[in-house]
Amino acid sequence: MDATEPTGHAPDHDGPDPDAVASRAELLPEEREAGSADPQAQAEAILADSEERTQDPEGTRDDSTQTPD
């Protein structure tokens, strides 16, 4: 990996970093109480959405319900 690549990401990696997904899939106590059918899938979906918004903020702006007019 060269110095221009973000830590934890392979140059040809599609989707969120598996280590980040695993870290985010660890539930907080209140999340454990509420329950989660698949914390790993939820973490992956949230990180993939975040990565997409970071990589293409203008392209994802129109899809956001939080974007001001």
PDB file of N, CA and C in Angstrom:
ATOM      1  N   MET A   1       0.847  -1.174   0.000  1.00  0.00           N
ATOM      2  CA  MET A   1       0.000   0.000   0.000  1.00  0.00           C
ATOM      3  C   MET A   1       0.891   1.234   0.000  1.00  0.00           C
ATOM      4  N   ASP A   2       0.587   2.193  -0.877  1.00  0.00           N
ATOM      5  CA  ASP A   2       1.405   3.402  -0.882  1.00  0.00           C
ATOM      6  C   ASP A   2       0.794   4.454   0.037  1.00  0.00           C
ATOM      7  N   ALA A   3       1.499   5.539   0.230  1.00  0.00           N
ATOM      8  CA  ALA A   3       1.095   6.573   1.194  1.00  0.00           C
ATOM      9  C   ALA A   3      -0.197   7.272   0.813  1.00  0.00           C
ATOM     10  N   THR A   4      -0.648   7.163  -0.459  1.00  0.00           N
ATOM     11  CA  THR A   4      -1.870   7.851  -0.871  1.00  0.00           C
ATOM     12  C   THR A   4      -3.121   7.050  -0.567  1.00  0.00           C
ATOM     13  N   GLU A   5      -2.979   5.765  -0.262  1.00  0.00           N
ATOM     14  CA  GLU A   5      -4.136   4.933   0.046  1.00  0.00           C
ATOM     15  C   GLU A   5      -4.538   5.099   1.504  1.00  0.00           C
ATOM     16  N   PRO A   6      -5.861   5.247   1.768  1.00  0.00           N
ATOM     17  CA  PRO A   6      -6.306   5.337   3.163  1.00  0.00           C
ATOM     18  C   PRO A   6      -5.993   4.038   3.898  1.00  0.00           C
ATOM     19  N   THR A   7      -5.628   4.135   5.136  1.00  0.00           N
ATOM     20  CA  THR A   7      -5.318   2.966   5.950  1.00  0.00           C
ATOM     21  C   THR A   7      -6.524   2.041   6.010  1.00  0.00           C
ATOM     22  N   GLY A   8      -6.280   0.747   5.795  1.00  0.00           N
ATOM     23  CA  GLY A   8      -7.347  -0.236   5.896  1.00  0.00           C
ATOM     24  C   GLY A   8      -8.102  -0.471   4.616  1.00  0.00           C
ATOM     25  N   HIS A   9      -7.781   0.229   3.541  1.00  0.00           N
ATOM     26  CA  HIS A   9      -8.476   0.043   2.281  1.00  0.00           C
ATOM     27  C   HIS A   9      -7.505  -0.420   1.213  1.00  0.00           C
ATOM     28  N   ALA A  10      -7.866  -1.471   0.507  1.00  0.00           N
ATOM     29  CA  ALA A  10      -7.085  -1.898  -0.644  1.00  0.00           C
ATOM     30  C   ALA A  10      -7.456  -1.008  -1.816  1.00  0.00           C
ATOM     31  N   PRO A  11      -6.543  -0.752  -2.746  1.00  0.00           N
ATOM     32  CA  PRO A  11      -6.832   0.139  -3.863  1.00  0.00           C
ATOM     33  C   PRO A  11      -8.046  -0.277  -4.683  1.00  0.00           C
ATOM     34  N   ASP A  12      -8.300  -1.579  -4.832  1.00  0.00           N
ATOM     35  CA  ASP A  12      -9.418  -2.025  -5.652  1.00  0.00           C
ATOM     36  C   ASP A  12     -10.610  -2.482  -4.816  1.00  0.00           C
ATOM     37  N   HIS A  13     -10.666  -2.111  -3.568  1.00  0.00           N
ATOM     38  CA  HIS A  13     -11.719  -2.542  -2.647  1.00  0.00           C
ATOM     39  C   HIS A  13     -13.028  -1.825  -2.929  1.00  0.00           C
ATOM     40  N   ASP A  14     -14.089  -2.592  -3.104  1.00  0.00           N
ATOM     41  CA  ASP A  14     -15.423  -2.024  -3.264  1.00  0.00           C
ATOM     42  C   ASP A  14     -16.184  -2.212  -1.972  1.00  0.00           C
ATOM     43  N   GLY A  15     -16.753  -1.133  -1.453  1.00  0.00           N
ATOM     44  CA  GLY A  15     -17.507  -1.211  -0.223  1.00  0.00           C
ATOM     45  C   GLY A  15     -16.676  -0.829   0.978  1.00  0.00           C
ATOM     46  N   PRO A  16     -17.306  -0.844   2.138  1.00  0.00           N
ATOM     47  CA  PRO A  16     -16.630  -0.416   3.364  1.00  0.00           C
ATOM     48  C   PRO A  16     -15.544  -1.398   3.791  1.00  0.00           C
ATOM     49  N   ASP A  17     -14.586  -0.883   4.524  1.00  0.00           N
ATOM     50  CA  ASP A  17     -13.482  -1.662   5.063  1.00  0.00           C
ATOM     51  C   ASP A  17     -14.026  -2.731   6.020  1.00  0.00           C
ATOM     52  N   PRO A  18     -13.681  -3.995   5.811  1.00  0.00           N
ATOM     53  CA  PRO A  18     -14.199  -5.065   6.684  1.00  0.00           C
ATOM     54  C   PRO A  18     -13.876  -4.851   8.166  1.00  0.00           C
ATOM     55  N   ASP A  19     -12.713  -4.285   8.474  1.00  0.00           N
ATOM     56  CA  ASP A  19     -12.379  -4.015   9.874  1.00  0.00           C
ATOM     57  C   ASP A  19     -13.300  -2.954  10.466  1.00  0.00           C
ATOM     58  N   ALA A  20     -13.639  -1.943   9.669  1.00  0.00           N
ATOM     59  CA  ALA A  20     -14.561  -0.905  10.139  1.00  0.00           C
ATOM     60  C   ALA A  20     -15.951  -1.488  10.361  1.00  0.00           C
ATOM     61  N   VAL A  21     -16.382  -2.361   9.462  1.00  0.00           N
ATOM     62  CA  VAL A  21     -17.696  -3.008   9.612  1.00  0.00           C
ATOM     63  C   VAL A  21     -17.724  -3.824  10.901  1.00  0.00           C
ATOM     64  N   ALA A  22     -16.699  -4.613  11.115  1.00  0.00           N
ATOM     65  CA  ALA A  22     -16.653  -5.449  12.318  1.00  0.00           C
ATOM     66  C   ALA A  22     -16.683  -4.593  13.580  1.00  0.00           C
ATOM     67  N   SER A  23     -15.961  -3.489  13.558  1.00  0.00           N
ATOM     68  CA  SER A  23     -15.929  -2.593  14.714  1.00  0.00           C
ATOM     69  C   SER A  23     -17.303  -1.977  14.968  1.00  0.00           C
ATOM     70  N   ARG A  24     -17.963  -1.514  13.895  1.00  0.00           N
ATOM     71  CA  ARG A  24     -19.266  -0.863  14.043  1.00  0.00           C
ATOM     72  C   ARG A  24     -20.376  -1.853  14.348  1.00  0.00           C
ATOM     73  N   ALA A  25     -20.157  -3.133  14.055  1.00  0.00           N
ATOM     74  CA  ALA A  25     -21.179  -4.150  14.307  1.00  0.00           C
ATOM     75  C   ALA A  25     -21.267  -4.518  15.790  1.00  0.00           C
ATOM     76  N   GLU A  26     -20.288  -4.106  16.586  1.00  0.00           N
ATOM     77  CA  GLU A  26     -20.344  -4.363  18.025  1.00  0.00           C
ATOM     78  C   GLU A  26     -21.414  -3.456  18.620  1.00  0.00           C
ATOM     79  N   LEU A  27     -22.430  -4.068  19.186  1.00  0.00           N
ATOM     80  CA  LEU A  27     -23.567  -3.309  19.683  1.00  0.00           C
ATOM     81  C   LEU A  27     -23.273  -2.642  21.026  1.00  0.00           C
ATOM     82  N   LEU A  28     -23.846  -1.456  21.197  1.00  0.00           N
ATOM     83  CA  LEU A  28     -23.813  -0.760  22.481  1.00  0.00           C
ATOM     84  C   LEU A  28     -24.812  -1.443  23.414  1.00  0.00           C
ATOM     85  N   PRO A  29     -24.686  -1.244  24.715  1.00  0.00           N
ATOM     86  CA  PRO A  29     -25.624  -1.895  25.647  1.00  0.00           C
ATOM     87  C   PRO A  29     -27.089  -1.624  25.314  1.00  0.00           C
ATOM     88  N   GLU A  30     -27.418  -0.397  24.975  1.00  0.00           N
ATOM     89  CA  GLU A  30     -28.825  -0.092  24.665  1.00  0.00           C
ATOM     90  C   GLU A  30     -29.264  -0.732  23.352  1.00  0.00           C
ATOM     91  N   GLU A  31     -28.325  -0.924  22.428  1.00  0.00           N
ATOM     92  CA  GLU A  31     -28.650  -1.608  21.173  1.00  0.00           C
ATOM     93  C   GLU A  31     -28.865  -3.104  21.427  1.00  0.00           C
ATOM     94  N   ARG A  32     -28.073  -3.677  22.328  1.00  0.00           N
ATOM     95  CA  ARG A  32     -28.249  -5.088  22.693  1.00  0.00           C
ATOM     96  C   ARG A  32     -29.626  -5.302  23.308  1.00  0.00           C
ATOM     97  N   GLU A  33     -30.044  -4.356  24.158  1.00  0.00           N
ATOM     98  CA  GLU A  33     -31.368  -4.450  24.790  1.00  0.00           C
ATOM     99  C   GLU A  33     -32.475  -4.413  23.755  1.00  0.00           C
ATOM    100  N   ALA A  34     -32.360  -3.518  22.784  1.00  0.00           N
ATOM    101  CA  ALA A  34     -33.384  -3.385  21.746  1.00  0.00           C
ATOM    102  C   ALA A  34     -33.353  -4.557  20.781  1.00  0.00           C
ATOM    103  N   GLY A  35     -32.177  -5.146  20.602  1.00  0.00           N
ATOM    104  CA  GLY A  35     -32.031  -6.279  19.702  1.00  0.00           C
ATOM    105  C   GLY A  35     -31.696  -5.834  18.288  1.00  0.00           C
ATOM    106  N   SER A  36     -31.059  -6.718  17.577  1.00  0.00           N
ATOM    107  CA  SER A  36     -30.697  -6.467  16.192  1.00  0.00           C
ATOM    108  C   SER A  36     -30.656  -7.800  15.469  1.00  0.00           C
ATOM    109  N   ALA A  37     -31.355  -7.888  14.348  1.00  0.00           N
ATOM    110  CA  ALA A  37     -31.400  -9.129  13.591  1.00  0.00           C
ATOM    111  C   ALA A  37     -30.041  -9.454  12.976  1.00  0.00           C
ATOM    112  N   ASP A  38     -29.329  -8.420  12.504  1.00  0.00           N
ATOM    113  CA  ASP A  38     -28.054  -8.656  11.831  1.00  0.00           C
ATOM    114  C   ASP A  38     -27.174  -7.410  11.941  1.00  0.00           C
ATOM    115  N   PRO A  39     -26.486  -7.230  13.074  1.00  0.00           N
ATOM    116  CA  PRO A  39     -25.672  -6.029  13.261  1.00  0.00           C
ATOM    117  C   PRO A  39     -24.567  -5.892  12.219  1.00  0.00           C
ATOM    118  N   GLN A  40     -24.020  -6.997  11.736  1.00  0.00           N
ATOM    119  CA  GLN A  40     -22.966  -6.953  10.721  1.00  0.00           C
ATOM    120  C   GLN A  40     -23.515  -6.343   9.423  1.00  0.00           C
ATOM    121  N   ALA A  41     -24.673  -6.782   8.981  1.00  0.00           N
ATOM    122  CA  ALA A  41     -25.283  -6.254   7.747  1.00  0.00           C
ATOM    123  C   ALA A  41     -25.681  -4.791   7.928  1.00  0.00           C
ATOM    124  N   GLN A  42     -26.178  -4.446   9.109  1.00  0.00           N
ATOM    125  CA  GLN A  42     -26.557  -3.057   9.363  1.00  0.00           C
ATOM    126  C   GLN A  42     -25.339  -2.150   9.320  1.00  0.00           C
ATOM    127  N   ALA A  43     -24.256  -2.571   9.946  1.00  0.00           N
ATOM    128  CA  ALA A  43     -23.026  -1.769   9.939  1.00  0.00           C
ATOM    129  C   ALA A  43     -22.501  -1.616   8.517  1.00  0.00           C
ATOM    130  N   GLU A  44     -22.531  -2.686   7.745  1.00  0.00           N
ATOM    131  CA  GLU A  44     -22.048  -2.635   6.363  1.00  0.00           C
ATOM    132  C   GLU A  44     -22.884  -1.672   5.529  1.00  0.00           C
ATOM    133  N   ALA A  45     -24.202  -1.707   5.684  1.00  0.00           N
ATOM    134  CA  ALA A  45     -25.079  -0.819   4.912  1.00  0.00           C
ATOM    135  C   ALA A  45     -24.856   0.648   5.281  1.00  0.00           C
ATOM    136  N   ILE A  46     -24.712   0.931   6.555  1.00  0.00           N
ATOM    137  CA  ILE A  46     -24.496   2.310   7.004  1.00  0.00           C
ATOM    138  C   ILE A  46     -23.159   2.841   6.502  1.00  0.00           C
ATOM    139  N   LEU A  47     -22.107   2.021   6.617  1.00  0.00           N
ATOM    140  CA  LEU A  47     -20.788   2.461   6.160  1.00  0.00           C
ATOM    141  C   LEU A  47     -20.732   2.597   4.640  1.00  0.00           C
ATOM    142  N   ALA A  48     -21.418   1.727   3.909  1.00  0.00           N
ATOM    143  CA  ALA A  48     -21.448   1.836   2.441  1.00  0.00           C
ATOM    144  C   ALA A  48     -22.148   3.132   2.032  1.00  0.00           C
ATOM    145  N   ASP A  49     -23.256   3.459   2.699  1.00  0.00           N
ATOM    146  CA  ASP A  49     -23.967   4.706   2.403  1.00  0.00           C
ATOM    147  C   ASP A  49     -23.094   5.916   2.719  1.00  0.00           C
ATOM    148  N   SER A  50     -22.417   5.873   3.849  1.00  0.00           N
ATOM    149  CA  SER A  50     -21.539   6.969   4.238  1.00  0.00           C
ATOM    150  C   SER A  50     -20.397   7.137   3.230  1.00  0.00           C
ATOM    151  N   GLU A  51     -19.819   6.020   2.814  1.00  0.00           N
ATOM    152  CA  GLU A  51     -18.723   6.066   1.845  1.00  0.00           C
ATOM    153  C   GLU A  51     -19.203   6.652   0.512  1.00  0.00           C
ATOM    154  N   GLU A  52     -20.396   6.257   0.080  1.00  0.00           N
ATOM    155  CA  GLU A  52     -20.950   6.782  -1.167  1.00  0.00           C
ATOM    156  C   GLU A  52     -21.161   8.286  -1.075  1.00  0.00           C
ATOM    157  N   ARG A  53     -21.708   8.746   0.041  1.00  0.00           N
ATOM    158  CA  ARG A  53     -21.941  10.184   0.225  1.00  0.00           C
ATOM    159  C   ARG A  53     -20.630  10.965   0.287  1.00  0.00           C
ATOM    160  N   THR A  54     -19.594  10.357   0.851  1.00  0.00           N
ATOM    161  CA  THR A  54     -18.287  11.005   0.928  1.00  0.00           C
ATOM    162  C   THR A  54     -17.645  11.092  -0.454  1.00  0.00           C
ATOM    163  N   GLN A  55     -17.767  10.024  -1.230  1.00  0.00           N
ATOM    164  CA  GLN A  55     -17.146   9.977  -2.551  1.00  0.00           C
ATOM    165  C   GLN A  55     -17.889  10.821  -3.583  1.00  0.00           C
ATOM    166  N   ASP A  56     -19.215  10.969  -3.437  1.00  0.00           N
ATOM    167  CA  ASP A  56     -20.019  11.687  -4.434  1.00  0.00           C
ATOM    168  C   ASP A  56     -21.082  12.542  -3.745  1.00  0.00           C
ATOM    169  N   PRO A  57     -20.663  13.594  -3.009  1.00  0.00           N
ATOM    170  CA  PRO A  57     -21.645  14.379  -2.259  1.00  0.00           C
ATOM    171  C   PRO A  57     -22.694  15.049  -3.148  1.00  0.00           C
ATOM    172  N   GLU A  58     -22.299  15.533  -4.298  1.00  0.00           N
ATOM    173  CA  GLU A  58     -23.262  16.181  -5.196  1.00  0.00           C
ATOM    174  C   GLU A  58     -24.247  15.168  -5.767  1.00  0.00           C
ATOM    175  N   GLY A  59     -23.753  13.998  -6.124  1.00  0.00           N
ATOM    176  CA  GLY A  59     -24.603  12.964  -6.709  1.00  0.00           C
ATOM    177  C   GLY A  59     -25.604  12.388  -5.729  1.00  0.00           C
ATOM    178  N   THR A  60     -25.268  12.352  -4.448  1.00  0.00           N
ATOM    179  CA  THR A  60     -26.179  11.779  -3.457  1.00  0.00           C
ATOM    180  C   THR A  60     -27.062  12.835  -2.800  1.00  0.00           C
ATOM    181  N   ARG A  61     -26.766  14.103  -3.045  1.00  0.00           N
ATOM    182  CA  ARG A  61     -27.523  15.188  -2.411  1.00  0.00           C
ATOM    183  C   ARG A  61     -29.006  15.144  -2.769  1.00  0.00           C
ATOM    184  N   ASP A  62     -29.334  14.881  -4.031  1.00  0.00           N
ATOM    185  CA  ASP A  62     -30.729  14.866  -4.467  1.00  0.00           C
ATOM    186  C   ASP A  62     -31.525  13.724  -3.841  1.00  0.00           C
ATOM    187  N   ASP A  63     -30.839  12.635  -3.491  1.00  0.00           N
ATOM    188  CA  ASP A  63     -31.524  11.480  -2.895  1.00  0.00           C
ATOM    189  C   ASP A  63     -31.788  11.665  -1.400  1.00  0.00           C
ATOM    190  N   SER A  64     -31.165  12.642  -0.788  1.00  0.00           N
ATOM    191  CA  SER A  64     -31.259  12.825   0.654  1.00  0.00           C
ATOM    192  C   SER A  64     -32.539  13.565   1.033  1.00  0.00           C
ATOM    193  N   THR A  65     -33.221  13.055   2.049  1.00  0.00           N
ATOM    194  CA  THR A  65     -34.407  13.749   2.566  1.00  0.00           C
ATOM    195  C   THR A  65     -34.010  14.877   3.490  1.00  0.00           C
ATOM    196  N   GLN A  66     -32.714  14.932   3.836  1.00  0.00           N
ATOM    197  CA  GLN A  66     -32.228  15.970   4.751  1.00  0.00           C
ATOM    198  C   GLN A  66     -31.607  17.157   4.027  1.00  0.00           C
ATOM    199  N   THR A  67     -31.532  17.091   2.705  1.00  0.00           N
ATOM    200  CA  THR A  67     -30.919  18.165   1.946  1.00  0.00           C
ATOM    201  C   THR A  67     -31.867  19.362   1.870  1.00  0.00           C
ATOM    202  N   PRO A  68     -31.409  20.538   2.275  1.00  0.00           N
ATOM    203  CA  PRO A  68     -32.277  21.717   2.173  1.00  0.00           C
ATOM    204  C   PRO A  68     -32.499  22.090   0.713  1.00  0.00           C
ATOM    205  N   ASP A  69     -33.649  22.681   0.460  1.00  0.00           N
ATOM    206  CA  ASP A  69     -33.984  23.107  -0.921  1.00  0.00           C
ATOM    207  C   ASP A  69     -33.132  24.258  -1.377  1.00  0.00           C
TER     208      ASP A  69
END
